[in-house]
Amino acid sequence: MKKFRPQPGFVVQAYRFALDPNAAQEAALGSHCGAARAAYNWAVGWVTASWWQRRAEETYGVAGAELTEWRPWSLPSLRKAFNEAKRTDPRFASWWEENSKEAYSTGLANASAAFDNYAKSKNGKRCGRRMGAPRFKSKRKARLSCRFTTGTIRVDADGRHVTLPRLGTIRTHEPVAGLLARVQAGTARILSATVRHERGRWFVSFHAEVKRDLARVARPGVAVGIDLGIKTLAVMADSTGEIREVSNPRHLDAALKRLRRVSRTVSRRRGPDRRTGQQPSRRWEKANKARSRVHYRVANLREDALHKLTSAVAAEYGTVVVEDLNIAGMLRNRCLARRIADAAFGEIRRQLTCKTQWNGCRIVAADRWYPSSKTCSECGAVKAKLPLHNRTYHCDACGLVIDRDANAAHNLAALAAAAVTGTGVAGDPDAVKALKPRGADRKTRTTPPGRKAGRGRAGGATLPQQQQTETRDRPHIEALTL
């Protein structure tokens, strides 16, 4: 499918509001999200059935040309097959008309994207960890979500209601005056709406094409380097030599005592049991809602603090330099994983990337192996080793003594000028040398051999290659190798 691109001067922005549905509307919301999950599971089963059939036929000695044809997983083909099956399949025949077609389209689109990501991962065209084949979603664990792209999607004129296809008009928990004013002024156009159930409450997110005028930053000629950490959330050093520190609020640590108390209360109540079919008690539901409110408050406090930090940085500096951190690898450290997740390093970079584009700034990502902490910001000497417990940097060449994080922030700020010329060292920004100074040990690991395909996995070693087209099914050209 062709990717949507906004008009010049417009950006795609999301507006999220909490909903206050009545009992009938809440049941309808749950039904739509359940329909999306059912359509997703049907698509996964429909596609993988041909994989298992081919695997069985191979064991019977059937020739390759006579094997069962692969079932395509493009969204148009899934829609066509589902529309033919929903009227006769006993899993859908009695109730599929109760929900909007957008609910089923949501599940089919998610299944198509899951198969695409699986194929790209097997071909080495997708970064990150290796992905497995799509699996069925559990009714107990699946996140309730449904997306609407067509039909009546609007914000009502009173500013306290929204209208969605088949669901009708739903009251919002908070006013939607900000989005309503933009829509009425013609500076915003709603593209889609997504309803989701999180922490005991329903939310709706409107994806809108919004006109944004570039806001002039306060110091367009100044670059800032941001070094993220746990003890201090951000140490910022700009090209003028000024250093600022933003303390880590640690919202989760502050709420752990209360969270443990409410969690103990939940564990004492009679909760649901899928094995025996036991239903939760009213007291368990009440205690679980109290625990959800604690998590929700922590998430809101963290989001508010991060938005204030990133908005202030994007509104002041013309160039922002951040690190390319391996956050997934950092979270494997069981001693620091909770605090790293609470600091939300990845969310800070994501917000800075968006907000610098809105303000016409430049964002530079340092190389993952750039030794910002091991490099002296005065003379450019690079240490071979710098353990994490050494919080003060001592340069053996020039005798500089400086805080470790401040030294790293200075080097990152100098890297903004080095992106055009120089070495990226704060003390020597104009020397025309290599952008990445050598000298620090670079951790390298031998790549483990790829996992061989087991005979029990659906699809086997001959998963078809899918080629991208816009309006028709993607033909299977060659086989993937696991």
Protein backbone atom coordinates (compact mmCIF):
# COMPACT_ATOMS: atom_id res chain seq x y z
CA MET A 1 0.00 0.00 0.00
CA LYS A 2 1.18 3.51 -0.79
CA LYS A 3 2.37 5.33 2.32
CA PHE A 4 0.49 8.50 3.21
CA ARG A 5 2.50 11.71 2.97
CA PRO A 6 1.18 14.97 4.41
CA GLN A 7 0.99 18.17 2.43
CA PRO A 8 3.90 20.63 2.55
CA GLY A 9 3.70 22.55 5.81
CA PHE A 10 1.55 19.86 7.45
CA VAL A 11 2.47 17.10 9.90
CA VAL A 12 0.60 14.03 11.09
CA GLN A 13 -0.19 14.45 14.76
CA ALA A 14 -2.26 12.44 17.24
CA TYR A 15 -4.78 13.84 19.72
CA ARG A 16 -5.73 11.48 22.54
CA PHE A 17 -8.78 11.85 24.77
CA ALA A 18 -10.34 9.76 27.51
CA LEU A 19 -13.91 8.55 26.98
CA ASP A 20 -16.88 8.20 29.32
CA PRO A 21 -19.08 5.63 27.53
CA ASN A 22 -22.31 4.30 29.04
CA ALA A 23 -22.87 0.59 29.60
CA ALA A 24 -24.21 -0.09 26.09
CA GLN A 25 -21.41 1.88 24.42
CA GLU A 26 -18.78 0.14 26.53
CA ALA A 27 -20.14 -3.24 25.46
CA ALA A 28 -20.08 -2.12 21.82
CA LEU A 29 -16.47 -0.97 22.17
CA GLY A 30 -15.49 -4.33 23.62
CA SER A 31 -17.34 -6.13 20.84
CA HIS A 32 -15.49 -4.19 18.13
CA CYS A 33 -12.11 -4.88 19.73
CA GLY A 34 -13.01 -8.55 20.11
CA ALA A 35 -14.00 -8.68 16.44
CA ALA A 36 -10.59 -7.27 15.49
CA ARG A 37 -8.88 -9.99 17.54
CA ALA A 38 -11.07 -12.70 15.98
CA ALA A 39 -10.28 -11.48 12.46
CA TYR A 40 -6.58 -11.45 13.28
CA ASN A 41 -6.70 -15.05 14.55
CA TRP A 42 -8.66 -16.13 11.46
CA ALA A 43 -6.05 -14.58 9.15
CA VAL A 44 -3.18 -16.25 11.00
CA GLY A 45 -4.90 -19.63 10.83
CA TRP A 46 -5.91 -19.21 7.19
CA VAL A 47 -2.37 -18.39 6.01
CA THR A 48 -0.52 -20.94 8.15
CA ALA A 49 -2.91 -23.72 7.10
CA SER A 50 -1.26 -23.77 3.68
CA TRP A 51 2.15 -23.94 5.36
CA TRP A 52 1.21 -27.04 7.33
CA GLN A 53 -0.44 -28.60 4.28
CA ARG A 54 2.70 -28.17 2.20
CA ARG A 55 4.82 -29.58 5.00
CA ALA A 56 2.62 -32.65 5.20
CA GLU A 57 2.64 -33.13 1.43
CA GLU A 58 6.45 -32.95 1.41
CA THR A 59 6.57 -35.87 3.82
CA TYR A 60 4.32 -37.83 1.46
CA GLY A 61 6.79 -37.34 -1.40
CA VAL A 62 4.66 -34.92 -3.44
CA ALA A 63 6.66 -33.05 -6.09
CA GLY A 64 7.28 -29.33 -5.63
CA ALA A 65 5.14 -28.30 -8.58
CA GLU A 66 2.17 -30.28 -7.26
CA LEU A 67 2.25 -28.90 -3.72
CA THR A 68 -0.62 -26.78 -2.41
CA GLU A 69 -0.29 -23.16 -3.45
CA TRP A 70 0.85 -20.62 -0.90
CA ARG A 71 -1.90 -18.43 0.47
CA PRO A 72 -1.01 -14.74 0.14
CA TRP A 73 -1.15 -12.48 3.17
CA SER A 74 -1.55 -9.09 1.52
CA LEU A 75 -4.39 -7.02 2.93
CA PRO A 76 -6.57 -7.09 -0.24
CA SER A 77 -6.33 -10.87 -0.47
CA LEU A 78 -7.12 -11.31 3.23
CA ARG A 79 -10.14 -9.04 2.92
CA LYS A 80 -11.43 -10.95 -0.10
CA ALA A 81 -11.03 -14.33 1.60
CA PHE A 82 -12.57 -13.14 4.86
CA ASN A 83 -15.62 -11.64 3.14
CA GLU A 84 -16.26 -15.01 1.54
CA ALA A 85 -15.80 -16.97 4.77
CA LYS A 86 -17.62 -14.76 7.30
CA ARG A 87 -21.09 -15.71 6.04
CA THR A 88 -20.50 -19.47 6.21
CA ASP A 89 -17.91 -19.89 8.93
CA PRO A 90 -19.73 -20.81 12.17
CA ARG A 91 -17.28 -18.66 14.12
CA PHE A 92 -18.60 -15.48 12.47
CA ALA A 93 -21.91 -16.26 10.75
CA SER A 94 -24.15 -15.46 13.74
CA TRP A 95 -22.63 -12.17 14.90
CA TRP A 96 -20.37 -10.53 12.30
CA GLU A 97 -23.07 -8.02 11.31
CA GLU A 98 -23.12 -6.53 14.81
CA ASN A 99 -19.82 -4.65 14.30
CA SER A 100 -18.43 -2.21 11.79
CA LYS A 101 -16.36 -3.53 8.91
CA GLU A 102 -13.50 -1.41 10.23
CA ALA A 103 -13.17 -3.77 13.21
CA TYR A 104 -12.43 -6.75 10.98
CA SER A 105 -10.21 -4.64 8.73
CA THR A 106 -8.13 -3.73 11.79
CA GLY A 107 -7.40 -7.36 12.59
CA LEU A 108 -6.64 -8.25 8.97
CA ALA A 109 -4.29 -5.28 8.58
CA ASN A 110 -2.43 -6.23 11.76
CA ALA A 111 -2.07 -9.82 10.54
CA SER A 112 -0.75 -8.66 7.16
CA ALA A 113 1.81 -6.42 8.86
CA ALA A 114 2.85 -9.26 11.19
CA PHE A 115 3.52 -11.62 8.29
CA ASP A 116 5.42 -8.90 6.41
CA ASN A 117 7.65 -8.26 9.43
CA TYR A 118 8.23 -12.00 9.82
CA ALA A 119 9.29 -12.36 6.18
CA LYS A 120 11.57 -9.30 6.31
CA SER A 121 13.19 -10.59 9.49
CA LYS A 122 13.89 -13.97 7.91
CA ASN A 123 15.38 -12.26 4.83
CA GLY A 124 17.57 -9.97 6.93
CA LYS A 125 15.74 -6.86 5.73
CA ARG A 126 14.44 -5.90 9.18
CA CYS A 127 16.61 -4.56 11.98
CA GLY A 128 16.36 -5.73 15.55
CA ARG A 129 15.84 -9.13 17.07
CA ARG A 130 14.70 -12.02 14.92
CA MET A 131 10.93 -12.29 14.77
CA GLY A 132 8.97 -15.50 14.86
CA ALA A 133 5.88 -16.43 12.92
CA PRO A 134 2.64 -14.67 13.96
CA ARG A 135 0.74 -16.46 16.72
CA PHE A 136 -2.86 -16.40 17.86
CA LYS A 137 -3.93 -13.67 20.26
CA SER A 138 -5.34 -14.77 23.59
CA LYS A 139 -8.69 -13.38 24.68
CA ARG A 140 -7.32 -12.96 28.17
CA LYS A 141 -4.08 -11.16 27.29
CA ALA A 142 -4.79 -9.35 24.02
CA ARG A 143 -4.92 -5.56 24.15
CA LEU A 144 -8.33 -4.20 23.24
CA SER A 145 -7.89 -1.90 20.25
CA CYS A 146 -9.77 -1.02 17.06
CA ARG A 147 -9.05 1.50 14.31
CA PHE A 148 -11.54 3.40 12.14
CA THR A 149 -10.40 4.83 8.80
CA THR A 150 -13.70 5.36 6.95
CA GLY A 151 -17.19 6.45 7.90
CA THR A 152 -18.36 9.19 10.22
CA ILE A 153 -15.34 10.25 12.30
CA ARG A 154 -15.69 13.70 13.80
CA VAL A 155 -15.45 15.85 16.91
CA ASP A 156 -18.85 17.30 17.76
CA ALA A 157 -19.41 21.03 17.89
CA ASP A 158 -20.10 21.07 21.66
CA GLY A 159 -16.50 20.01 22.34
CA ARG A 160 -17.47 17.16 24.71
CA HIS A 161 -18.54 14.38 22.33
CA VAL A 162 -17.01 12.39 19.49
CA THR A 163 -18.77 10.37 16.81
CA LEU A 164 -17.41 7.07 15.50
CA PRO A 165 -18.78 4.63 12.90
CA ARG A 166 -21.40 2.20 14.22
CA LEU A 167 -20.66 3.29 17.81
CA GLY A 168 -22.44 6.62 17.54
CA THR A 169 -21.81 9.66 19.72
CA ILE A 170 -19.71 9.06 22.86
CA ARG A 171 -19.06 11.58 25.60
CA THR A 172 -15.43 12.45 26.34
CA HIS A 173 -14.01 12.69 29.83
CA GLU A 174 -12.15 15.88 28.90
CA PRO A 175 -12.88 18.73 26.48
CA VAL A 176 -11.62 18.39 22.91
CA ALA A 177 -11.55 22.12 22.23
CA GLY A 178 -7.97 22.11 20.91
CA LEU A 179 -8.65 19.72 18.04
CA LEU A 180 -12.12 21.18 17.43
CA ALA A 181 -10.73 24.70 16.97
CA ARG A 182 -8.19 23.49 14.43
CA VAL A 183 -10.78 21.50 12.49
CA GLN A 184 -13.18 24.43 12.36
CA ALA A 185 -10.38 26.79 11.27
CA GLY A 186 -9.38 24.42 8.46
CA THR A 187 -5.85 23.83 9.79
CA ALA A 188 -6.47 20.17 10.70
CA ARG A 189 -8.09 17.21 8.95
CA ILE A 190 -8.92 13.99 10.80
CA LEU A 191 -7.52 10.93 9.04
CA SER A 192 -8.44 8.07 11.39
CA ALA A 193 -9.46 7.25 14.94
CA THR A 194 -8.28 4.44 17.22
CA VAL A 195 -10.07 3.33 20.38
CA ARG A 196 -8.09 1.46 23.01
CA HIS A 197 -8.71 0.16 26.50
CA GLU A 198 -5.89 0.86 28.95
CA ARG A 199 -5.79 0.62 32.74
CA GLY A 200 -9.53 0.37 33.13
CA ARG A 201 -10.45 3.30 30.86
CA TRP A 202 -11.31 3.75 27.19
CA PHE A 203 -9.34 6.22 25.06
CA VAL A 204 -9.72 7.52 21.52
CA SER A 205 -6.77 8.79 19.46
CA PHE A 206 -7.39 10.95 16.41
CA HIS A 207 -4.69 10.96 13.75
CA ALA A 208 -4.92 14.32 12.05
CA GLU A 209 -3.07 16.18 9.34
CA VAL A 210 -2.24 19.45 11.11
CA LYS A 211 -0.76 22.62 9.67
CA ARG A 212 2.27 23.73 11.66
CA ASP A 213 4.18 26.93 11.12
CA LEU A 214 7.89 26.70 11.90
CA ALA A 215 8.58 28.35 15.24
CA ARG A 216 11.87 30.19 15.47
CA VAL A 217 14.05 28.83 18.24
CA ALA A 218 15.55 31.11 20.85
CA ARG A 219 19.21 30.28 20.03
CA PRO A 220 19.38 28.99 16.45
CA GLY A 221 23.19 29.08 16.23
CA VAL A 222 23.82 27.07 19.40
CA ALA A 223 24.24 23.30 19.50
CA VAL A 224 23.56 21.19 22.59
CA GLY A 225 24.73 17.71 23.47
CA ILE A 226 22.50 15.61 25.71
CA ASP A 227 23.91 12.77 27.79
CA LEU A 228 21.17 10.64 29.33
CA GLY A 229 21.58 8.76 32.59
CA ILE A 230 19.83 7.31 35.59
CA LYS A 231 21.15 9.39 38.48
CA THR A 232 20.75 12.56 36.43
CA LEU A 233 18.20 12.21 33.68
CA ALA A 234 19.94 14.57 31.26
CA VAL A 235 23.20 16.53 31.31
CA MET A 236 23.13 19.20 28.60
CA ALA A 237 26.24 21.05 27.43
CA ASP A 238 25.92 23.61 24.64
CA SER A 239 28.53 24.98 22.28
CA THR A 240 28.96 28.11 24.44
CA GLY A 241 30.24 26.02 27.37
CA GLU A 242 27.11 26.20 29.53
CA ILE A 243 26.13 23.02 31.38
CA ARG A 244 22.65 22.21 32.64
CA GLU A 245 21.46 19.22 34.61
CA VAL A 246 17.94 17.79 34.72
CA SER A 247 17.37 15.57 37.72
CA ASN A 248 15.64 12.23 37.31
CA PRO A 249 12.18 12.46 38.95
CA ARG A 250 11.97 8.64 39.39
CA HIS A 251 8.20 8.52 39.45
CA LEU A 252 8.07 4.72 39.65
CA ASP A 253 10.41 4.54 42.65
CA ALA A 254 8.25 7.10 44.45
CA ALA A 255 5.14 4.97 43.85
CA LEU A 256 6.66 1.54 44.63
CA LYS A 257 5.58 1.54 48.27
CA ARG A 258 1.96 2.20 47.38
CA LEU A 259 2.15 -0.18 44.43
CA ARG A 260 3.35 -3.03 46.65
CA ARG A 261 0.52 -2.40 49.08
CA VAL A 262 -2.22 -2.46 46.47
CA SER A 263 -0.64 -5.48 44.77
CA ARG A 264 -0.77 -7.42 48.04
CA THR A 265 -4.43 -6.49 48.32
CA VAL A 266 -5.08 -7.84 44.82
CA SER A 267 -3.28 -11.11 45.60
CA ARG A 268 -5.54 -11.72 48.63
CA ARG A 269 -8.72 -11.45 46.60
CA ARG A 270 -10.30 -14.17 44.50
CA GLY A 271 -9.08 -13.45 41.01
CA PRO A 272 -9.91 -15.03 37.64
CA ASP A 273 -8.63 -18.50 36.83
CA ARG A 274 -8.74 -19.63 33.22
CA ARG A 275 -8.02 -23.26 34.05
CA THR A 276 -11.01 -23.73 36.32
CA GLY A 277 -13.25 -21.05 34.80
CA GLN A 278 -13.36 -19.12 38.07
CA GLN A 279 -14.71 -15.59 37.73
CA PRO A 280 -13.12 -12.71 39.67
CA SER A 281 -14.88 -11.39 42.71
CA ARG A 282 -16.15 -7.84 43.02
CA ARG A 283 -13.49 -7.09 45.63
CA TRP A 284 -10.76 -8.33 43.27
CA GLU A 285 -12.05 -6.08 40.49
CA LYS A 286 -12.12 -3.11 42.85
CA ALA A 287 -8.57 -3.79 44.08
CA ASN A 288 -7.32 -4.31 40.53
CA LYS A 289 -8.74 -0.95 39.49
CA ALA A 290 -6.92 0.69 42.39
CA ARG A 291 -3.66 -0.88 41.21
CA SER A 292 -4.33 0.29 37.65
CA ARG A 293 -4.81 3.85 38.89
CA VAL A 294 -1.35 3.78 40.47
CA HIS A 295 0.26 2.64 37.21
CA TYR A 296 -1.75 5.18 35.26
CA ARG A 297 -0.66 8.04 37.50
CA VAL A 298 3.01 7.07 37.17
CA ALA A 299 2.69 6.92 33.38
CA ASN A 300 1.02 10.34 33.26
CA LEU A 301 3.67 11.94 35.49
CA ARG A 302 6.46 10.46 33.37
CA GLU A 303 4.84 11.60 30.13
CA ASP A 304 4.32 15.13 31.45
CA ALA A 305 7.94 15.46 32.60
CA LEU A 306 9.36 14.16 29.31
CA HIS A 307 7.18 16.46 27.21
CA LYS A 308 8.27 19.48 29.24
CA LEU A 309 11.94 18.53 28.85
CA THR A 310 11.86 17.86 25.12
CA SER A 311 9.69 20.91 24.36
CA ALA A 312 12.13 23.19 26.20
CA VAL A 313 15.14 21.74 24.35
CA ALA A 314 13.51 21.90 20.90
CA ALA A 315 12.37 25.49 21.48
CA GLU A 316 15.81 26.80 22.50
CA TYR A 317 18.60 25.16 20.48
CA GLY A 318 19.16 25.03 16.74
CA THR A 319 21.05 21.72 16.81
CA VAL A 320 20.48 18.82 19.20
CA VAL A 321 22.95 15.93 19.47
CA VAL A 322 21.78 12.69 21.09
CA GLU A 323 23.29 9.24 21.56
CA ASP A 324 22.25 6.14 19.66
CA LEU A 325 21.75 3.96 22.74
CA ASN A 326 21.16 0.22 22.63
CA ILE A 327 18.20 0.41 24.99
CA ALA A 328 17.06 -3.17 24.35
CA GLY A 329 20.49 -4.39 25.41
CA MET A 330 20.56 -2.09 28.44
CA LEU A 331 17.27 -3.53 29.65
CA ARG A 332 18.89 -6.97 29.92
CA ASN A 333 20.77 -5.71 32.96
CA ARG A 334 18.45 -6.96 35.69
CA CYS A 335 20.02 -4.63 38.24
CA LEU A 336 19.21 -1.45 36.31
CA ALA A 337 16.38 -2.50 34.00
CA ARG A 338 13.60 -0.99 36.12
CA ARG A 339 15.29 2.40 36.43
CA ILE A 340 16.27 2.48 32.75
CA ALA A 341 12.69 1.73 31.75
CA ASP A 342 11.42 4.41 34.15
CA ALA A 343 13.77 7.01 32.61
CA ALA A 344 12.40 6.24 29.09
CA PHE A 345 15.50 7.04 27.04
CA GLY A 346 13.86 5.91 23.81
CA GLU A 347 10.83 8.12 24.33
CA ILE A 348 13.08 11.16 24.85
CA ARG A 349 14.79 10.60 21.52
CA ARG A 350 11.47 9.97 19.74
CA GLN A 351 9.97 13.20 21.04
CA LEU A 352 13.09 15.19 20.19
CA THR A 353 13.04 13.82 16.64
CA CYS A 354 9.44 15.01 16.12
CA LYS A 355 9.69 18.37 17.88
CA THR A 356 12.93 19.43 16.23
CA GLN A 357 11.27 18.88 12.85
CA TRP A 358 8.33 21.01 13.94
CA ASN A 359 10.66 23.85 14.94
CA GLY A 360 12.97 23.55 11.94
CA CYS A 361 15.93 22.41 14.07
CA ARG A 362 18.59 19.83 13.28
CA ILE A 363 19.03 16.62 15.26
CA VAL A 364 22.25 14.61 15.07
CA ALA A 365 22.55 11.04 16.35
CA ALA A 366 26.06 10.07 17.47
CA ASP A 367 27.37 6.72 16.37
CA ARG A 368 26.60 3.93 18.83
CA TRP A 369 30.32 3.23 19.27
CA TYR A 370 31.36 6.87 19.58
CA PRO A 371 33.41 7.09 22.84
CA SER A 372 31.80 10.23 24.23
CA SER A 373 32.55 9.35 27.86
CA LYS A 374 36.11 8.07 27.23
CA THR A 375 37.24 11.05 25.13
CA CYS A 376 38.76 14.11 26.80
CA SER A 377 36.75 17.19 25.87
CA GLU A 378 39.86 19.38 26.22
CA CYS A 379 42.63 17.63 24.30
CA GLY A 380 40.89 14.72 22.55
CA ALA A 381 42.78 11.89 24.25
CA VAL A 382 40.80 8.66 24.42
CA LYS A 383 40.93 6.25 27.33
CA ALA A 384 40.98 2.54 26.60
CA LYS A 385 38.88 1.69 29.65
CA LEU A 386 36.52 3.73 31.80
CA PRO A 387 34.47 1.63 34.25
CA LEU A 388 30.95 2.75 35.00
CA HIS A 389 31.64 3.32 38.69
CA ASN A 390 34.17 6.07 37.85
CA ARG A 391 31.94 9.12 37.84
CA THR A 392 34.81 11.62 37.43
CA TYR A 393 36.94 11.81 34.29
CA HIS A 394 40.69 12.27 34.84
CA CYS A 395 42.68 12.93 31.67
CA ASP A 396 46.19 11.50 31.75
CA ALA A 397 47.35 13.72 28.89
CA CYS A 398 46.29 17.24 29.94
CA GLY A 399 45.21 16.68 33.54
CA LEU A 400 41.58 17.68 33.01
CA VAL A 401 39.26 16.70 35.87
CA ILE A 402 35.58 16.90 35.04
CA ASP A 403 32.35 15.08 35.72
CA ARG A 404 31.93 12.05 33.49
CA ASP A 405 28.50 13.03 32.18
CA ALA A 406 29.49 16.65 31.60
CA ASN A 407 32.52 15.51 29.61
CA ALA A 408 30.32 13.30 27.45
CA ALA A 409 27.85 16.14 26.89
CA HIS A 410 30.68 18.46 25.77
CA ASN A 411 31.88 15.88 23.24
CA LEU A 412 28.36 15.39 21.91
CA ALA A 413 27.91 19.15 21.48
CA ALA A 414 31.19 19.33 19.56
CA LEU A 415 29.99 16.50 17.35
CA ALA A 416 27.43 18.86 15.78
CA ALA A 417 30.23 20.89 14.17
CA ALA A 418 32.17 17.72 13.38
CA ALA A 419 29.27 16.47 11.29
CA VAL A 420 30.54 18.92 8.66
CA THR A 421 34.23 19.14 9.58
CA GLY A 422 36.44 18.31 12.54
CA THR A 423 36.98 15.38 14.85
CA GLY A 424 34.07 15.69 17.24
CA VAL A 425 36.35 16.62 20.15
CA ALA A 426 35.34 19.64 22.16
CA GLY A 427 38.91 20.96 22.40
CA ASP A 428 39.63 20.63 18.66
CA PRO A 429 36.44 21.23 16.65
CA ASP A 430 38.14 22.52 13.47
CA ALA A 431 40.77 19.87 12.83
CA VAL A 432 39.96 17.94 9.67
CA LYS A 433 40.42 14.36 10.80
CA ALA A 434 38.32 11.25 11.14
CA LEU A 435 34.85 11.79 12.53
CA LYS A 436 35.15 8.82 14.88
CA PRO A 437 38.39 8.95 16.89
CA ARG A 438 39.92 5.55 17.42
CA GLY A 439 41.59 4.28 20.54
CA ALA A 440 38.72 3.06 22.68
CA ASP A 441 37.95 -0.61 22.83
CA ARG A 442 35.00 -1.51 20.67
CA LYS A 443 33.02 -4.45 21.96
CA THR A 444 32.59 -6.97 19.23
CA ARG A 445 30.99 -10.38 19.44
CA THR A 446 31.11 -13.16 16.99
CA THR A 447 27.77 -13.55 15.30
CA PRO A 448 26.14 -16.80 16.42
CA PRO A 449 25.13 -19.16 13.65
CA GLY A 450 21.55 -18.81 12.48
CA ARG A 451 18.98 -21.09 13.96
CA LYS A 452 18.11 -23.93 11.68
CA ALA A 453 14.49 -24.43 10.82
CA GLY A 454 12.84 -27.13 12.83
CA ARG A 455 10.59 -29.63 11.21
CA GLY A 456 7.72 -28.73 13.51
CA ARG A 457 7.32 -25.03 12.66
CA ALA A 458 4.64 -24.02 10.21
CA GLY A 459 6.09 -22.75 6.97
CA GLY A 460 9.33 -24.70 7.23
CA ALA A 461 12.31 -23.62 5.19
CA THR A 462 10.32 -22.67 2.10
CA LEU A 463 8.37 -19.65 3.34
CA PRO A 464 7.46 -17.60 0.24
CA GLN A 465 9.00 -14.27 -0.54
CA GLN A 466 6.49 -11.44 -0.68
CA GLN A 467 7.05 -8.49 -3.01
CA GLN A 468 5.40 -5.16 -2.35
CA THR A 469 2.73 -3.92 -4.77
CA GLU A 470 0.03 -1.32 -4.29
CA THR A 471 -3.30 -2.75 -5.39
CA ARG A 472 -2.84 -6.43 -6.15
CA ASP A 473 -1.55 -9.52 -4.40
CA ARG A 474 2.16 -9.88 -4.04
CA PRO A 475 3.40 -12.91 -6.01
CA HIS A 476 5.70 -15.50 -4.50
CA ILE A 477 8.95 -15.32 -6.44
CA GLU A 478 11.44 -17.31 -4.43
CA ALA A 479 11.69 -19.09 -1.12
CA LEU A 480 13.10 -17.75 2.11
CA THR A 481 15.95 -19.54 3.83
CA LEU A 482 15.85 -19.83 7.59
